[in-house]
Protein backbone atom coordinates (compact mmCIF):
# COMPACT_ATOMS: atom_id res chain seq x y z
CA UNK A 1 44.39 37.24 -15.30
CA UNK A 2 48.38 38.44 -14.91
CA UNK A 3 51.13 36.39 -16.56
CA UNK A 4 52.41 35.22 -12.63
CA UNK A 5 48.68 34.45 -11.51
CA UNK A 6 48.97 32.03 -14.90
CA UNK A 7 51.98 31.02 -14.54
CA UNK A 8 51.25 30.46 -11.13
CA UNK A 9 48.49 28.56 -11.62
CA UNK A 10 50.18 26.27 -14.41
CA UNK A 11 53.03 25.59 -11.66
CA UNK A 12 50.14 24.89 -9.13
CA UNK A 13 48.00 22.20 -11.64
CA UNK A 14 50.99 20.93 -12.71
CA UNK A 15 52.76 19.77 -8.73
CA UNK A 16 51.20 17.68 -6.64
CA UNK A 17 50.07 19.12 -3.32
CA UNK A 18 53.15 17.61 -1.42
CA UNK A 19 55.55 18.85 -3.17
CA UNK A 20 53.36 22.36 -3.99
CA UNK A 21 54.13 23.25 -0.12
CA UNK A 22 57.71 22.41 0.02
CA UNK A 23 58.66 24.51 -3.27
CA UNK A 24 56.26 27.70 -1.85
CA UNK A 25 59.16 27.07 1.48
CA UNK A 26 62.15 27.68 -0.79
CA UNK A 27 60.76 30.09 -2.45
CA UNK A 28 60.29 31.96 1.61
CA UNK A 29 63.81 30.99 2.84
CA UNK A 30 62.98 32.77 6.40
CA UNK A 31 59.44 30.44 6.38
CA UNK A 32 61.62 27.86 5.79
CA UNK A 33 64.24 27.94 8.54
CA UNK A 34 61.31 28.31 11.43
CA UNK A 35 59.62 25.15 9.89
CA UNK A 36 62.55 23.32 9.83
CA UNK A 37 63.24 24.68 13.14
CA UNK A 38 60.44 23.61 14.25
CA UNK A 39 60.66 20.55 13.20
CA UNK A 40 63.94 19.87 14.92
CA UNK A 41 62.68 20.92 18.37
CA UNK A 42 59.71 18.59 17.53
CA UNK A 43 62.20 15.66 17.23
CA UNK A 44 64.48 17.17 19.93
CA UNK A 45 61.67 17.11 22.52
CA UNK A 46 60.23 13.78 21.86
CA UNK A 47 64.12 12.36 21.96
CA UNK A 48 64.77 13.69 24.78
CA UNK A 49 61.40 12.27 26.61
CA UNK A 50 62.45 9.37 25.07
CA UNK A 51 65.82 8.92 27.08
CA UNK A 52 64.28 10.50 30.30
CA UNK A 53 61.42 7.82 30.81
CA UNK A 54 63.88 4.94 29.56
CA UNK A 55 66.50 6.53 32.68
CA UNK A 56 63.50 6.52 34.97
CA UNK A 57 62.20 3.25 33.34
CA UNK A 58 65.97 2.06 34.06
CA UNK A 59 65.91 3.15 38.02
CA UNK A 60 62.88 1.62 39.13
CA UNK A 61 63.59 -1.38 37.64
CA UNK A 62 67.00 -1.55 39.89
CA UNK A 63 65.41 -0.10 42.67
CA UNK A 64 62.46 -3.00 42.81
CA UNK A 65 65.70 -5.24 41.49
CA UNK A 66 67.52 -4.06 44.95
CA UNK A 67 64.71 -4.34 47.26
CA UNK A 68 63.77 -8.07 45.75
CA UNK A 69 67.45 -9.52 46.42
CA UNK A 70 66.99 -6.99 50.08
CA UNK A 71 63.85 -8.94 51.09
CA UNK A 72 65.17 -12.05 50.13
CA UNK A 73 67.73 -12.21 52.26
CA UNK A 74 66.43 -10.50 55.19
CA UNK A 75 64.79 -13.67 56.34
CA UNK A 76 67.45 -15.58 55.69
CA UNK A 77 69.72 -13.75 57.62
CA UNK A 78 70.51 -13.82 61.48
CA UNK A 79 72.80 -12.39 63.36
CA UNK A 80 75.85 -14.05 63.22
CA UNK A 81 77.04 -15.68 65.91
CA UNK A 82 80.00 -13.89 68.31
CA UNK A 83 83.48 -14.99 67.19
CA UNK A 84 85.39 -16.78 70.00
CA UNK A 85 87.91 -14.09 71.19
CA UNK A 86 91.57 -14.63 69.78
CA UNK A 87 93.60 -15.58 72.47
CA UNK A 88 97.18 -14.60 72.65
CA UNK A 89 99.47 -18.04 73.61
CA UNK A 90 102.95 -17.06 75.00
CA UNK A 91 104.99 -19.90 75.76
CA UNK A 92 108.73 -20.26 76.44
CA UNK A 93 110.64 -20.66 73.32
CA UNK A 94 112.44 -24.52 73.57
CA UNK A 95 113.84 -26.40 70.00
CA UNK A 96 110.48 -27.35 68.54
CA UNK A 97 107.52 -24.79 69.45
CA UNK A 98 107.26 -21.37 68.26
CA UNK A 99 107.83 -18.42 70.27
CA UNK A 100 104.37 -17.10 70.59
CA UNK A 101 101.02 -18.13 68.29
CA UNK A 102 97.93 -17.05 68.12
CA UNK A 103 94.96 -19.24 68.82
CA UNK A 104 90.76 -19.01 69.12
CA UNK A 105 89.86 -19.16 72.66
CA UNK A 106 87.33 -21.78 73.72
CA UNK A 107 84.13 -20.99 75.57
CA UNK A 108 84.03 -22.21 79.04
CA UNK A 109 82.05 -25.36 79.83
CA UNK A 110 80.10 -23.19 82.25
CA UNK A 111 79.03 -20.54 79.66
CA UNK A 112 77.08 -22.96 77.51
CA UNK A 113 74.40 -24.67 80.46
CA UNK A 114 74.34 -21.27 81.92
CA UNK A 115 72.56 -19.94 77.87
CA UNK A 116 70.91 -23.45 78.03
CA UNK A 117 68.43 -23.05 81.72
CA UNK A 118 65.79 -20.29 81.35
CA UNK A 119 65.95 -17.19 81.85
CA UNK A 120 64.83 -15.81 85.21
CA UNK A 121 61.63 -15.00 85.71
CA UNK A 122 60.29 -17.09 82.44
CA UNK A 123 57.37 -19.02 82.91
CA UNK A 124 58.95 -22.85 82.87
CA UNK A 125 57.35 -24.09 79.17
CA UNK A 126 54.73 -26.87 78.93
CA UNK A 127 53.84 -28.78 76.04
CA UNK A 128 50.43 -28.53 74.69
CA UNK A 129 47.70 -30.31 76.09
CA UNK A 130 45.28 -32.73 74.33
CA UNK A 131 42.54 -29.47 75.25
CA UNK A 132 44.37 -26.45 75.20
CA UNK A 133 41.80 -23.66 76.40
CA UNK A 134 41.13 -20.59 74.64
CA UNK A 135 43.73 -17.63 75.55
CA UNK A 136 41.88 -15.23 73.61
CA UNK A 137 38.51 -15.04 75.87
CA UNK A 138 41.00 -13.81 78.43
CA UNK A 139 40.51 -9.60 77.52
CA UNK A 140 43.88 -8.47 76.07
CA UNK A 141 44.88 -11.57 74.04
CA UNK A 142 43.97 -11.68 70.71
CA UNK A 143 44.85 -13.97 67.73
CA UNK A 144 48.01 -13.26 67.28
CA UNK A 145 49.45 -12.56 71.32
CA UNK A 146 47.67 -16.02 71.59
CA UNK A 147 50.13 -17.87 69.48
CA UNK A 148 52.97 -16.18 71.01
CA UNK A 149 51.95 -17.32 74.54
CA UNK A 150 51.47 -20.61 72.58
CA UNK A 151 54.67 -20.52 71.42
CA UNK A 152 56.73 -19.74 74.97
CA UNK A 153 54.86 -23.02 76.15
CA UNK A 154 51.27 -21.29 77.32
CA UNK A 155 48.16 -23.28 77.24
CA UNK A 156 45.95 -23.09 79.55
CA UNK A 157 43.87 -20.85 81.83
CA UNK A 158 45.25 -22.68 84.80
CA UNK A 159 48.84 -21.35 83.35
CA UNK A 160 49.00 -18.20 83.23
CA UNK A 161 46.10 -18.03 86.91
CA UNK A 162 49.51 -19.41 88.33
CA UNK A 163 52.11 -17.04 86.91
CA UNK A 164 54.11 -15.70 89.70
CA UNK A 165 55.00 -11.71 90.12
CA UNK A 166 58.33 -12.25 89.00
CA UNK A 167 57.09 -14.75 85.46
CA UNK A 168 54.24 -11.89 85.05
CA UNK A 169 57.33 -8.70 84.88
CA UNK A 170 59.98 -11.15 82.33
CA UNK A 171 56.44 -11.69 80.49
CA UNK A 172 55.60 -8.20 80.40
CA UNK A 173 58.93 -7.25 79.02
CA UNK A 174 59.08 -9.59 76.97
CA UNK A 175 56.94 -8.88 75.23
CA UNK A 176 57.25 -4.40 75.58
CA UNK A 177 53.99 -4.29 77.28
CA UNK A 178 54.89 -1.71 80.01
CA UNK A 179 52.45 -3.13 82.43
CA UNK A 180 49.28 -3.73 80.60
CA UNK A 181 49.34 -7.59 81.84
CA UNK A 182 48.05 -6.14 85.61
CA UNK A 183 46.24 -3.25 83.96
CA UNK A 184 44.13 -5.99 82.35
CA UNK A 185 44.84 -8.24 85.31
CA UNK A 186 45.28 -11.48 83.16
CA UNK A 187 45.84 -13.49 86.19
CA UNK A 188 42.37 -12.82 88.32
CA UNK A 189 40.56 -13.27 84.01
CA UNK A 190 42.36 -16.60 84.00
CA UNK A 191 41.28 -17.31 88.12
CA UNK A 192 37.74 -16.50 87.00
CA UNK A 193 38.00 -18.47 83.41
CA UNK A 194 39.01 -21.38 85.20
CA UNK A 195 37.03 -21.70 87.78
CA UNK A 196 34.68 -21.48 85.10
CA UNK A 197 35.69 -24.36 82.91
């Protein structure tokens, strides 16, 4: 064995393997620089990945929070009542009065009475009878539509059979059916069902 090989073997035997690898990198500076660069890039990549993951998680959490807040606020919010218009009241100046004041105009009593009336063509509601008819037996009426009709005060086949053209038009417009009530012939079906009952 040569002298350098003997020295290398002696050093290897005297040093633990972990330190021997580090000394080998010190002996070859370019290999050490490459190893440190690779280690640095790996750590930087991990740090960037963690940062991007944290940002994405924070964005998703804030989006869920905002969605939750808007979902909670949506059912509770109703269209605000239109405020009464402001009316300029001009009076002649006297010693006791100011020249012009702005006061809220009160809604006329006749308009309140008009809103209390049912819209033209709306079927007259009926209180729930002891035995309401199963309106789902009429073709075109399902469970949800039956519930809507019940909320409008329509409970029996006789009520549906007695609907007038203006009431049918109002109901068709209110439900957004575009003529479906006539096409499905609710009145004819209701007359047949009330005759069978």
